PDB file of N, CA and C in Angstrom:
ATOM      1  N   MET A   1     -77.177 193.246-225.122  1.00  0.00           N
ATOM      2  CA  MET A   1     -76.981 193.457-223.694  1.00  0.00           C
ATOM      3  C   MET A   1     -76.808 192.120-222.971  1.00  0.00           C
ATOM      4  N   MET A   2     -77.536 191.098-223.447  1.00  0.00           N
ATOM      5  CA  MET A   2     -77.454 189.784-222.815  1.00  0.00           C
ATOM      6  C   MET A   2     -76.032 189.223-222.938  1.00  0.00           C
ATOM      7  N   GLN A   3     -75.396 189.421-224.102  1.00  0.00           N
ATOM      8  CA  GLN A   3     -74.029 188.931-224.317  1.00  0.00           C
ATOM      9  C   GLN A   3     -73.081 189.600-223.335  1.00  0.00           C
ATOM     10  N   PHE A   4     -73.221 190.891-223.089  1.00  0.00           N
ATOM     11  CA  PHE A   4     -72.384 191.615-222.139  1.00  0.00           C
ATOM     12  C   PHE A   4     -72.537 191.032-220.738  1.00  0.00           C
ATOM     13  N   ALA A   5     -73.768 190.731-220.341  1.00  0.00           N
ATOM     14  CA  ALA A   5     -74.014 190.147-219.014  1.00  0.00           C
ATOM     15  C   ALA A   5     -73.302 188.808-218.875  1.00  0.00           C
ATOM     16  N   LYS A   6     -73.293 188.016-219.943  1.00  0.00           N
ATOM     17  CA  LYS A   6     -72.621 186.718-219.896  1.00  0.00           C
ATOM     18  C   LYS A   6     -71.109 186.909-219.744  1.00  0.00           C
ATOM     19  N   ILE A   7     -70.540 187.890-220.451  1.00  0.00           N
ATOM     20  CA  ILE A   7     -69.105 188.161-220.344  1.00  0.00           C
ATOM     21  C   ILE A   7     -68.753 188.614-218.936  1.00  0.00           C
ATOM     22  N   VAL A   8     -69.552 189.493-218.362  1.00  0.00           N
ATOM     23  CA  VAL A   8     -69.308 189.967-217.000  1.00  0.00           C
ATOM     24  C   VAL A   8     -69.397 188.798-216.021  1.00  0.00           C
ATOM     25  N   THR A   9     -70.380 187.925-216.204  1.00  0.00           N
ATOM     26  CA  THR A   9     -70.554 186.774-215.329  1.00  0.00           C
ATOM     27  C   THR A   9     -69.335 185.864-215.404  1.00  0.00           C
ATOM     28  N   GLN A  10     -68.878 185.568-216.613  1.00  0.00           N
ATOM     29  CA  GLN A  10     -67.732 184.682-216.762  1.00  0.00           C
ATOM     30  C   GLN A  10     -66.474 185.311-216.197  1.00  0.00           C
ATOM     31  N   ALA A  11     -66.362 186.628-216.293  1.00  0.00           N
ATOM     32  CA  ALA A  11     -65.206 187.313-215.742  1.00  0.00           C
ATOM     33  C   ALA A  11     -65.186 187.223-214.223  1.00  0.00           C
ATOM     34  N   SER A  12     -66.360 187.050-213.611  1.00  0.00           N
ATOM     35  CA  SER A  12     -66.439 186.977-212.158  1.00  0.00           C
ATOM     36  C   SER A  12     -65.689 185.777-211.603  1.00  0.00           C
ATOM     37  N   SER A  13     -65.622 184.705-212.379  1.00  0.00           N
ATOM     38  CA  SER A  13     -65.034 183.489-211.839  1.00  0.00           C
ATOM     39  C   SER A  13     -63.875 182.950-212.666  1.00  0.00           C
ATOM     40  N   TRP A  14     -63.406 183.654-213.667  1.00  0.00           N
ATOM     41  CA  TRP A  14     -62.371 183.098-214.534  1.00  0.00           C
ATOM     42  C   TRP A  14     -61.125 182.732-213.751  1.00  0.00           C
ATOM     43  N   ARG A  15     -60.709 183.592-212.830  1.00  0.00           N
ATOM     44  CA  ARG A  15     -59.501 183.308-212.040  1.00  0.00           C
ATOM     45  C   ARG A  15     -59.738 182.105-211.130  1.00  0.00           C
ATOM     46  N   LEU A  16     -60.911 182.038-210.550  1.00  0.00           N
ATOM     47  CA  LEU A  16     -61.259 180.922-209.668  1.00  0.00           C
ATOM     48  C   LEU A  16     -61.279 179.608-210.449  1.00  0.00           C
ATOM     49  N   ARG A  17     -61.825 179.627-211.648  1.00  0.00           N
ATOM     50  CA  ARG A  17     -61.831 178.408-212.478  1.00  0.00           C
ATOM     51  C   ARG A  17     -60.406 177.967-212.787  1.00  0.00           C
ATOM     52  N   ARG A  18     -59.543 178.912-213.048  1.00  0.00           N
ATOM     53  CA  ARG A  18     -58.136 178.593-213.315  1.00  0.00           C
ATOM     54  C   ARG A  18     -57.479 177.974-212.086  1.00  0.00           C
ATOM     55  N   LEU A  19     -57.723 178.556-210.919  1.00  0.00           N
ATOM     56  CA  LEU A  19     -57.149 178.024-209.681  1.00  0.00           C
ATOM     57  C   LEU A  19     -57.677 176.629-209.367  1.00  0.00           C
ATOM     58  N   ILE A  20     -58.960 176.402-209.629  1.00  0.00           N
ATOM     59  CA  ILE A  20     -59.554 175.084-209.409  1.00  0.00           C
ATOM     60  C   ILE A  20     -58.871 174.057-210.318  1.00  0.00           C
ATOM     61  N   GLY A  21     -58.691 174.415-211.577  1.00  0.00           N
ATOM     62  CA  GLY A  21     -58.019 173.509-212.505  1.00  0.00           C
ATOM     63  C   GLY A  21     -56.607 173.172-212.063  1.00  0.00           C
ATOM     64  N   LEU A  22     -55.876 174.173-211.584  1.00  0.00           N
ATOM     65  CA  LEU A  22     -54.513 173.941-211.114  1.00  0.00           C
ATOM     66  C   LEU A  22     -54.493 173.055-209.862  1.00  0.00           C
ATOM     67  N   ALA A  23     -55.427 173.292-208.947  1.00  0.00           N
ATOM     68  CA  ALA A  23     -55.489 172.475-207.725  1.00  0.00           C
ATOM     69  C   ALA A  23     -55.816 171.029-208.063  1.00  0.00           C
ATOM     70  N   LYS A  24     -56.755 170.826-208.985  1.00  0.00           N
ATOM     71  CA  LYS A  24     -57.092 169.463-209.397  1.00  0.00           C
ATOM     72  C   LYS A  24     -55.890 168.782-210.042  1.00  0.00           C
ATOM     73  N   LYS A  25     -55.163 169.528-210.845  1.00  0.00           N
ATOM     74  CA  LYS A  25     -53.981 168.963-211.497  1.00  0.00           C
ATOM     75  C   LYS A  25     -52.934 168.555-210.461  1.00  0.00           C
ATOM     76  N   ARG A  26     -52.749 169.365-209.426  1.00  0.00           N
ATOM     77  CA  ARG A  26     -51.779 169.010-208.378  1.00  0.00           C
ATOM     78  C   ARG A  26     -52.212 167.746-207.639  1.00  0.00           C
ATOM     79  N   ILE A  27     -53.510 167.596-207.405  1.00  0.00           N
ATOM     80  CA  ILE A  27     -54.014 166.389-206.741  1.00  0.00           C
ATOM     81  C   ILE A  27     -53.757 165.161-207.611  1.00  0.00           C
ATOM     82  N   VAL A  28     -54.065 165.262-208.887  1.00  0.00           N
ATOM     83  CA  VAL A  28     -53.835 164.144-209.805  1.00  0.00           C
ATOM     84  C   VAL A  28     -52.352 163.802-209.854  1.00  0.00           C
ATOM     85  N   THR A  29     -51.501 164.825-209.911  1.00  0.00           N
ATOM     86  CA  THR A  29     -50.058 164.591-209.946  1.00  0.00           C
ATOM     87  C   THR A  29     -49.588 163.863-208.693  1.00  0.00           C
ATOM     88  N   LEU A  30     -50.120 164.257-207.542  1.00  0.00           N
ATOM     89  CA  LEU A  30     -49.751 163.571-206.303  1.00  0.00           C
ATOM     90  C   LEU A  30     -50.126 162.093-206.369  1.00  0.00           C
ATOM     91  N   PHE A  31     -51.298 161.795-206.896  1.00  0.00           N
ATOM     92  CA  PHE A  31     -51.717 160.394-207.033  1.00  0.00           C
ATOM     93  C   PHE A  31     -50.817 159.656-208.020  1.00  0.00           C
ATOM     94  N   GLU A  32     -50.566 160.274-209.152  1.00  0.00           N
ATOM     95  CA  GLU A  32     -49.750 159.618-210.176  1.00  0.00           C
ATOM     96  C   GLU A  32     -48.344 159.326-209.669  1.00  0.00           C
ATOM     97  N   GLU A  33     -47.792 160.238-208.870  1.00  0.00           N
ATOM     98  CA  GLU A  33     -46.449 160.034-208.331  1.00  0.00           C
ATOM     99  C   GLU A  33     -46.389 158.858-207.361  1.00  0.00           C
ATOM    100  N   GLN A  34     -47.519 158.521-206.765  1.00  0.00           N
ATOM    101  CA  GLN A  34     -47.522 157.482-205.741  1.00  0.00           C
ATOM    102  C   GLN A  34     -48.122 156.164-206.200  1.00  0.00           C
ATOM    103  N   LEU A  35     -48.383 156.032-207.493  1.00  0.00           N
ATOM    104  CA  LEU A  35     -48.953 154.782-207.983  1.00  0.00           C
ATOM    105  C   LEU A  35     -47.977 153.634-207.743  1.00  0.00           C
ATOM    106  N   VAL A  36     -48.497 152.564-207.204  1.00  0.00           N
ATOM    107  CA  VAL A  36     -47.687 151.395-206.890  1.00  0.00           C
ATOM    108  C   VAL A  36     -48.403 150.173-207.440  1.00  0.00           C
ATOM    109  N   SER A  37     -47.655 149.314-208.077  1.00  0.00           N
ATOM    110  CA  SER A  37     -48.255 148.085-208.577  1.00  0.00           C
ATOM    111  C   SER A  37     -47.941 146.941-207.614  1.00  0.00           C
ATOM    112  N   ARG A  38     -48.663 145.867-207.760  1.00  0.00           N
ATOM    113  CA  ARG A  38     -48.411 144.686-206.918  1.00  0.00           C
ATOM    114  C   ARG A  38     -46.984 144.180-207.089  1.00  0.00           C
ATOM    115  N   GLU A  39     -46.460 144.320-208.285  1.00  0.00           N
ATOM    116  CA  GLU A  39     -45.098 143.858-208.545  1.00  0.00           C
ATOM    117  C   GLU A  39     -44.062 144.615-207.713  1.00  0.00           C
ATOM    118  N   ASP A  40     -44.407 145.851-207.315  1.00  0.00           N
ATOM    119  CA  ASP A  40     -43.492 146.662-206.502  1.00  0.00           C
ATOM    120  C   ASP A  40     -43.497 146.241-205.039  1.00  0.00           C
ATOM    121  N   LEU A  41     -44.458 145.431-204.654  1.00  0.00           N
ATOM    122  CA  LEU A  41     -44.619 145.052-203.249  1.00  0.00           C
ATOM    123  C   LEU A  41     -44.222 143.585-203.059  1.00  0.00           C
ATOM    124  N   ASN A  42     -42.935 143.350-202.963  1.00  0.00           N
ATOM    125  CA  ASN A  42     -42.430 141.986-202.873  1.00  0.00           C
ATOM    126  C   ASN A  42     -42.199 141.521-201.441  1.00  0.00           C
ATOM    127  N   SER A  43     -42.169 142.459-200.519  1.00  0.00           N
ATOM    128  CA  SER A  43     -41.888 142.079-199.132  1.00  0.00           C
ATOM    129  C   SER A  43     -42.604 143.026-198.180  1.00  0.00           C
ATOM    130  N   ALA A  44     -42.597 142.655-196.926  1.00  0.00           N
ATOM    131  CA  ALA A  44     -43.192 143.516-195.898  1.00  0.00           C
ATOM    132  C   ALA A  44     -42.448 144.847-195.845  1.00  0.00           C
ATOM    133  N   LYS A  45     -41.149 144.816-196.083  1.00  0.00           N
ATOM    134  CA  LYS A  45     -40.350 146.046-196.081  1.00  0.00           C
ATOM    135  C   LYS A  45     -40.803 146.984-197.210  1.00  0.00           C
ATOM    136  N   ASP A  46     -41.091 146.428-198.385  1.00  0.00           N
ATOM    137  CA  ASP A  46     -41.585 147.236-199.500  1.00  0.00           C
ATOM    138  C   ASP A  46     -42.903 147.918-199.130  1.00  0.00           C
ATOM    139  N   VAL A  47     -43.789 147.161-198.531  1.00  0.00           N
ATOM    140  CA  VAL A  47     -45.084 147.704-198.118  1.00  0.00           C
ATOM    141  C   VAL A  47     -44.882 148.807-197.084  1.00  0.00           C
ATOM    142  N   GLU A  48     -44.002 148.577-196.137  1.00  0.00           N
ATOM    143  CA  GLU A  48     -43.725 149.575-195.095  1.00  0.00           C
ATOM    144  C   GLU A  48     -43.184 150.863-195.714  1.00  0.00           C
ATOM    145  N   GLU A  49     -42.270 150.731-196.669  1.00  0.00           N
ATOM    146  CA  GLU A  49     -41.699 151.914-197.319  1.00  0.00           C
ATOM    147  C   GLU A  49     -42.770 152.696-198.076  1.00  0.00           C
ATOM    148  N   VAL A  50     -43.642 151.994-198.781  1.00  0.00           N
ATOM    149  CA  VAL A  50     -44.723 152.654-199.517  1.00  0.00           C
ATOM    150  C   VAL A  50     -45.660 153.372-198.550  1.00  0.00           C
ATOM    151  N   LEU A  51     -45.998 152.733-197.447  1.00  0.00           N
ATOM    152  CA  LEU A  51     -46.883 153.359-196.461  1.00  0.00           C
ATOM    153  C   LEU A  51     -46.253 154.611-195.862  1.00  0.00           C
ATOM    154  N   GLU A  52     -44.951 154.593-195.637  1.00  0.00           N
ATOM    155  CA  GLU A  52     -44.260 155.782-195.113  1.00  0.00           C
ATOM    156  C   GLU A  52     -44.338 156.937-196.105  1.00  0.00           C
ATOM    157  N   VAL A  53     -44.109 156.632-197.371  1.00  0.00           N
ATOM    158  CA  VAL A  53     -44.185 157.668-198.402  1.00  0.00           C
ATOM    159  C   VAL A  53     -45.602 158.221-198.483  1.00  0.00           C
ATOM    160  N   LEU A  54     -46.583 157.339-198.472  1.00  0.00           N
ATOM    161  CA  LEU A  54     -47.977 157.779-198.554  1.00  0.00           C
ATOM    162  C   LEU A  54     -48.361 158.633-197.352  1.00  0.00           C
ATOM    163  N   ALA A  55     -47.862 158.276-196.176  1.00  0.00           N
ATOM    164  CA  ALA A  55     -48.153 159.078-194.979  1.00  0.00           C
ATOM    165  C   ALA A  55     -47.569 160.478-195.138  1.00  0.00           C
ATOM    166  N   ASP A  56     -46.370 160.567-195.691  1.00  0.00           N
ATOM    167  CA  ASP A  56     -45.756 161.877-195.922  1.00  0.00           C
ATOM    168  C   ASP A  56     -46.554 162.690-196.936  1.00  0.00           C
ATOM    169  N   GLU A  57     -47.046 162.024-197.966  1.00  0.00           N
ATOM    170  CA  GLU A  57     -47.793 162.703-199.017  1.00  0.00           C
ATOM    171  C   GLU A  57     -49.207 163.082-198.574  1.00  0.00           C
ATOM    172  N   TYR A  58     -49.712 162.436-197.546  1.00  0.00           N
ATOM    173  CA  TYR A  58     -51.070 162.707-197.078  1.00  0.00           C
ATOM    174  C   TYR A  58     -51.248 164.194-196.768  1.00  0.00           C
ATOM    175  N   ASP A  59     -50.276 164.795-196.099  1.00  0.00           N
ATOM    176  CA  ASP A  59     -50.395 166.210-195.746  1.00  0.00           C
ATOM    177  C   ASP A  59     -50.490 167.093-196.991  1.00  0.00           C
ATOM    178  N   ARG A  60     -49.687 166.784-197.989  1.00  0.00           N
ATOM    179  CA  ARG A  60     -49.743 167.562-199.231  1.00  0.00           C
ATOM    180  C   ARG A  60     -51.101 167.383-199.907  1.00  0.00           C
ATOM    181  N   LEU A  61     -51.576 166.162-199.941  1.00  0.00           N
ATOM    182  CA  LEU A  61     -52.864 165.876-200.567  1.00  0.00           C
ATOM    183  C   LEU A  61     -53.999 166.556-199.799  1.00  0.00           C
ATOM    184  N   TYR A  62     -53.968 166.441-198.496  1.00  0.00           N
ATOM    185  CA  TYR A  62     -54.992 167.067-197.654  1.00  0.00           C
ATOM    186  C   TYR A  62     -55.023 168.578-197.893  1.00  0.00           C
ATOM    187  N   SER A  63     -53.863 169.180-197.987  1.00  0.00           N
ATOM    188  CA  SER A  63     -53.765 170.618-198.220  1.00  0.00           C
ATOM    189  C   SER A  63     -54.395 171.002-199.561  1.00  0.00           C
ATOM    190  N   GLN A  64     -54.121 170.211-200.599  1.00  0.00           N
ATOM    191  CA  GLN A  64     -54.679 170.511-201.915  1.00  0.00           C
ATOM    192  C   GLN A  64     -56.193 170.330-201.945  1.00  0.00           C
ATOM    193  N   VAL A  65     -56.684 169.285-201.298  1.00  0.00           N
ATOM    194  CA  VAL A  65     -58.132 169.059-201.242  1.00  0.00           C
ATOM    195  C   VAL A  65     -58.801 170.193-200.469  1.00  0.00           C
ATOM    196  N   ASN A  66     -58.187 170.609-199.382  1.00  0.00           N
ATOM    197  CA  ASN A  66     -58.710 171.710-198.580  1.00  0.00           C
ATOM    198  C   ASN A  66     -58.770 172.996-199.416  1.00  0.00           C
ATOM    199  N   THR A  67     -57.726 173.252-200.185  1.00  0.00           N
ATOM    200  CA  THR A  67     -57.702 174.423-201.066  1.00  0.00           C
ATOM    201  C   THR A  67     -58.834 174.360-202.091  1.00  0.00           C
ATOM    202  N   LEU A  68     -59.018 173.188-202.669  1.00  0.00           N
ATOM    203  CA  LEU A  68     -60.083 172.999-203.647  1.00  0.00           C
ATOM    204  C   LEU A  68     -61.450 173.270-203.025  1.00  0.00           C
ATOM    205  N   GLU A  69     -61.665 172.818-201.810  1.00  0.00           N
ATOM    206  CA  GLU A  69     -62.932 173.070-201.114  1.00  0.00           C
ATOM    207  C   GLU A  69     -63.127 174.558-200.847  1.00  0.00           C
ATOM    208  N   GLN A  70     -62.053 175.269-200.518  1.00  0.00           N
ATOM    209  CA  GLN A  70     -62.147 176.717-200.298  1.00  0.00           C
ATOM    210  C   GLN A  70     -62.565 177.425-201.591  1.00  0.00           C
ATOM    211  N   TYR A  71     -61.988 177.009-202.723  1.00  0.00           N
ATOM    212  CA  TYR A  71     -62.369 177.603-204.006  1.00  0.00           C
ATOM    213  C   TYR A  71     -63.841 177.355-204.302  1.00  0.00           C
ATOM    214  N   ASP A  72     -64.309 176.160-203.991  1.00  0.00           N
ATOM    215  CA  ASP A  72     -65.715 175.845-204.234  1.00  0.00           C
ATOM    216  C   ASP A  72     -66.620 176.726-203.375  1.00  0.00           C
ATOM    217  N   ARG A  73     -66.235 176.960-202.135  1.00  0.00           N
ATOM    218  CA  ARG A  73     -67.026 177.852-201.262  1.00  0.00           C
ATOM    219  C   ARG A  73     -67.033 179.284-201.802  1.00  0.00           C
ATOM    220  N   LYS A  74     -65.876 179.737-202.308  1.00  0.00           N
ATOM    221  CA  LYS A  74     -65.818 181.084-202.891  1.00  0.00           C
ATOM    222  C   LYS A  74     -66.739 181.186-204.103  1.00  0.00           C
ATOM    223  N   TRP A  75     -66.741 180.154-204.908  1.00  0.00           N
ATOM    224  CA  TRP A  75     -67.598 180.175-206.095  1.00  0.00           C
ATOM    225  C   TRP A  75     -69.062 180.180-205.684  1.00  0.00           C
ATOM    226  N   SER A  76     -69.403 179.461-204.635  1.00  0.00           N
ATOM    227  CA  SER A  76     -70.782 179.473-204.133  1.00  0.00           C
ATOM    228  C   SER A  76     -71.189 180.874-203.689  1.00  0.00           C
ATOM    229  N   LYS A  77     -70.258 181.617-203.085  1.00  0.00           N
ATOM    230  CA  LYS A  77     -70.556 182.994-202.682  1.00  0.00           C
ATOM    231  C   LYS A  77     -70.775 183.883-203.905  1.00  0.00           C
ATOM    232  N   ILE A  78     -69.980 183.660-204.935  1.00  0.00           N
ATOM    233  CA  ILE A  78     -70.155 184.421-206.175  1.00  0.00           C
ATOM    234  C   ILE A  78     -71.536 184.130-206.759  1.00  0.00           C
ATOM    235  N   ILE A  79     -71.938 182.857-206.731  1.00  0.00           N
ATOM    236  CA  ILE A  79     -73.246 182.462-207.279  1.00  0.00           C
ATOM    237  C   ILE A  79     -74.377 183.119-206.499  1.00  0.00           C
ATOM    238  N   LYS A  80     -74.236 183.242-205.178  1.00  0.00           N
ATOM    239  CA  LYS A  80     -75.283 183.892-204.385  1.00  0.00           C
ATOM    240  C   LYS A  80     -75.448 185.349-204.801  1.00  0.00           C
ATOM    241  N   LYS A  81     -74.329 186.013-205.131  1.00  0.00           N
ATOM    242  CA  LYS A  81     -74.388 187.408-205.554  1.00  0.00           C
ATOM    243  C   LYS A  81     -74.851 187.543-207.002  1.00  0.00           C
ATOM    244  N   ASN A  82     -74.524 186.547-207.800  1.00  0.00           N
ATOM    245  CA  ASN A  82     -74.837 186.603-209.228  1.00  0.00           C
ATOM    246  C   ASN A  82     -75.314 185.219-209.675  1.00  0.00           C
ATOM    247  N   PRO A  83     -76.623 184.962-209.618  1.00  0.00           N
ATOM    248  CA  PRO A  83     -77.172 183.640-209.948  1.00  0.00           C
ATOM    249  C   PRO A  83     -76.807 183.131-211.342  1.00  0.00           C
ATOM    250  N   GLU A  84     -76.531 184.039-212.298  1.00  0.00           N
ATOM    251  CA  GLU A  84     -76.131 183.604-213.633  1.00  0.00           C
ATOM    252  C   GLU A  84     -74.820 182.826-213.596  1.00  0.00           C
ATOM    253  N   GLU A  85     -74.040 183.050-212.578  1.00  0.00           N
ATOM    254  CA  GLU A  85     -72.760 182.355-212.425  1.00  0.00           C
ATOM    255  C   GLU A  85     -72.967 180.853-212.236  1.00  0.00           C
ATOM    256  N   ASP A  86     -74.147 180.465-211.793  1.00  0.00           N
ATOM    257  CA  ASP A  86     -74.452 179.034-211.639  1.00  0.00           C
ATOM    258  C   ASP A  86     -74.370 178.324-212.991  1.00  0.00           C
ATOM    259  N   ASP A  87     -74.827 178.981-214.047  1.00  0.00           N
ATOM    260  CA  ASP A  87     -74.727 178.407-215.393  1.00  0.00           C
ATOM    261  C   ASP A  87     -73.269 178.246-215.803  1.00  0.00           C
ATOM    262  N   VAL A  88     -72.443 179.233-215.463  1.00  0.00           N
ATOM    263  CA  VAL A  88     -71.015 179.176-215.784  1.00  0.00           C
ATOM    264  C   VAL A  88     -70.380 177.980-215.071  1.00  0.00           C
ATOM    265  N   LYS A  89     -70.741 177.788-213.806  1.00  0.00           N
ATOM    266  CA  LYS A  89     -70.185 176.661-213.048  1.00  0.00           C
ATOM    267  C   LYS A  89     -70.641 175.334-213.650  1.00  0.00           C
ATOM    268  N   ARG A  90     -71.890 175.250-214.014  1.00  0.00           N
ATOM    269  CA  ARG A  90     -72.407 174.016-214.603  1.00  0.00           C
ATOM    270  C   ARG A  90     -71.676 173.699-215.908  1.00  0.00           C
ATOM    271  N   GLU A  91     -71.485 174.710-216.751  1.00  0.00           N
ATOM    272  CA  GLU A  91     -70.760 174.517-218.009  1.00  0.00           C
ATOM    273  C   GLU A  91     -69.318 174.082-217.746  1.00  0.00           C
ATOM    274  N   TYR A  92     -68.697 174.685-216.755  1.00  0.00           N
ATOM    275  CA  TYR A  92     -67.321 174.330-216.381  1.00  0.00           C
ATOM    276  C   TYR A  92     -67.252 172.863-215.954  1.00  0.00           C
ATOM    277  N   GLU A  93     -68.188 172.443-215.117  1.00  0.00           N
ATOM    278  CA  GLU A  93     -68.198 171.062-214.634  1.00  0.00           C
ATOM    279  C   GLU A  93     -68.435 170.072-215.775  1.00  0.00           C
ATOM    280  N   ILE A  94     -69.295 170.434-216.725  1.00  0.00           N
ATOM    281  CA  ILE A  94     -69.556 169.562-217.881  1.00  0.00           C
ATOM    282  C   ILE A  94     -68.286 169.427-218.724  1.00  0.00           C
ATOM    283  N   ARG A  95     -67.605 170.552-218.975  1.00  0.00           N
ATOM    284  CA  ARG A  95     -66.368 170.494-219.763  1.00  0.00           C
ATOM    285  C   ARG A  95     -65.314 169.642-219.062  1.00  0.00           C
ATOM    286  N   ARG A  96     -65.181 169.789-217.745  1.00  0.00           N
ATOM    287  CA  ARG A  96     -64.194 168.990-216.986  1.00  0.00           C
ATOM    288  C   ARG A  96     -64.545 167.506-217.046  1.00  0.00           C
ATOM    289  N   LEU A  97     -65.827 167.182-216.945  1.00  0.00           N
ATOM    290  CA  LEU A  97     -66.252 165.787-217.000  1.00  0.00           C
ATOM    291  C   LEU A  97     -65.974 165.200-218.386  1.00  0.00           C
ATOM    292  N   GLU A  98     -66.274 165.967-219.428  1.00  0.00           N
ATOM    293  CA  GLU A  98     -66.003 165.500-220.786  1.00  0.00           C
ATOM    294  C   GLU A  98     -64.510 165.275-220.992  1.00  0.00           C
ATOM    295  N   LYS A  99     -63.699 166.183-220.502  1.00  0.00           N
ATOM    296  CA  LYS A  99     -62.242 166.044-220.608  1.00  0.00           C
ATOM    297  C   LYS A  99     -61.773 164.807-219.846  1.00  0.00           C
ATOM    298  N   SER A 100     -62.317 164.621-218.666  1.00  0.00           N
ATOM    299  CA  SER A 100     -61.963 163.456-217.853  1.00  0.00           C
ATOM    300  C   SER A 100     -62.325 162.161-218.564  1.00  0.00           C
ATOM    301  N   ASN A 101     -63.503 162.117-219.157  1.00  0.00           N
ATOM    302  CA  ASN A 101     -63.943 160.922-219.879  1.00  0.00           C
ATOM    303  C   ASN A 101     -63.043 160.627-221.074  1.00  0.00           C
ATOM    304  N   ARG A 102     -62.641 161.674-221.803  1.00  0.00           N
ATOM    305  CA  ARG A 102     -61.742 161.478-222.949  1.00  0.00           C
ATOM    306  C   ARG A 102     -60.407 160.914-222.484  1.00  0.00           C
ATOM    307  N   MET A 103     -59.886 161.431-221.384  1.00  0.00           N
ATOM    308  CA  MET A 103     -58.586 160.989-220.886  1.00  0.00           C
ATOM    309  C   MET A 103     -58.681 159.560-220.326  1.00  0.00           C
ATOM    310  N   ASP A 104     -59.784 159.233-219.698  1.00  0.00           N
ATOM    311  CA  ASP A 104     -59.969 157.875-219.170  1.00  0.00           C
ATOM    312  C   ASP A 104     -59.941 156.840-220.288  1.00  0.00           C
ATOM    313  N   ARG A 105     -60.513 157.195-221.427  1.00  0.00           N
ATOM    314  CA  ARG A 105     -60.518 156.272-222.570  1.00  0.00           C
ATOM    315  C   ARG A 105     -59.118 156.008-223.099  1.00  0.00           C
ATOM    316  N   HIS A 106     -58.209 156.945-222.814  1.00  0.00           N
ATOM    317  CA  HIS A 106     -56.835 156.790-223.279  1.00  0.00           C
ATOM    318  C   HIS A 106     -55.921 156.274-222.175  1.00  0.00           C
ATOM    319  N   GLY A 107     -56.496 155.863-221.064  1.00  0.00           N
ATOM    320  CA  GLY A 107     -55.714 155.258-219.993  1.00  0.00           C
ATOM    321  C   GLY A 107     -54.969 156.232-219.106  1.00  0.00           C
ATOM    322  N   SER A 108     -55.438 157.461-219.006  1.00  0.00           N
ATOM    323  CA  SER A 108     -54.790 158.465-218.176  1.00  0.00           C
ATOM    324  C   SER A 108     -55.748 158.988-217.130  1.00  0.00           C
ATOM    325  N   PHE A 109     -55.176 159.613-216.120  1.00  0.00           N
ATOM    326  CA  PHE A 109     -56.003 160.306-215.142  1.00  0.00           C
ATOM    327  C   PHE A 109     -56.533 161.579-215.776  1.00  0.00           C
ATOM    328  N   PRO A 110     -57.669 162.108-215.264  1.00  0.00           N
ATOM    329  CA  PRO A 110     -58.211 163.365-215.797  1.00  0.00           C
ATOM    330  C   PRO A 110     -57.301 164.541-215.483  1.00  0.00           C
TER     331      PRO A 110
END
């Protein structure tokens, strides 16, 4: 019976976990697309152009971060209804951190 309860608990947030992963990936992609090295900034005009692009991207980034925060609030509501879901969230966060650490060692964003 305990195994069934765990399956039901995980089913409560599986879609939300997927959406969180996708939102995080979009945020990372936005950062990766805008990476600029010092070598790219040879003049004041270069800096101005980069700042314009970053200002345009700010809205997209803000939107993705806002979406991620909404998902986190939804998951908190699920946890209030089903406290076992807190364990699922903790396990999810540990797996994401481990994945991030592995990718950092290879010189990539999480």
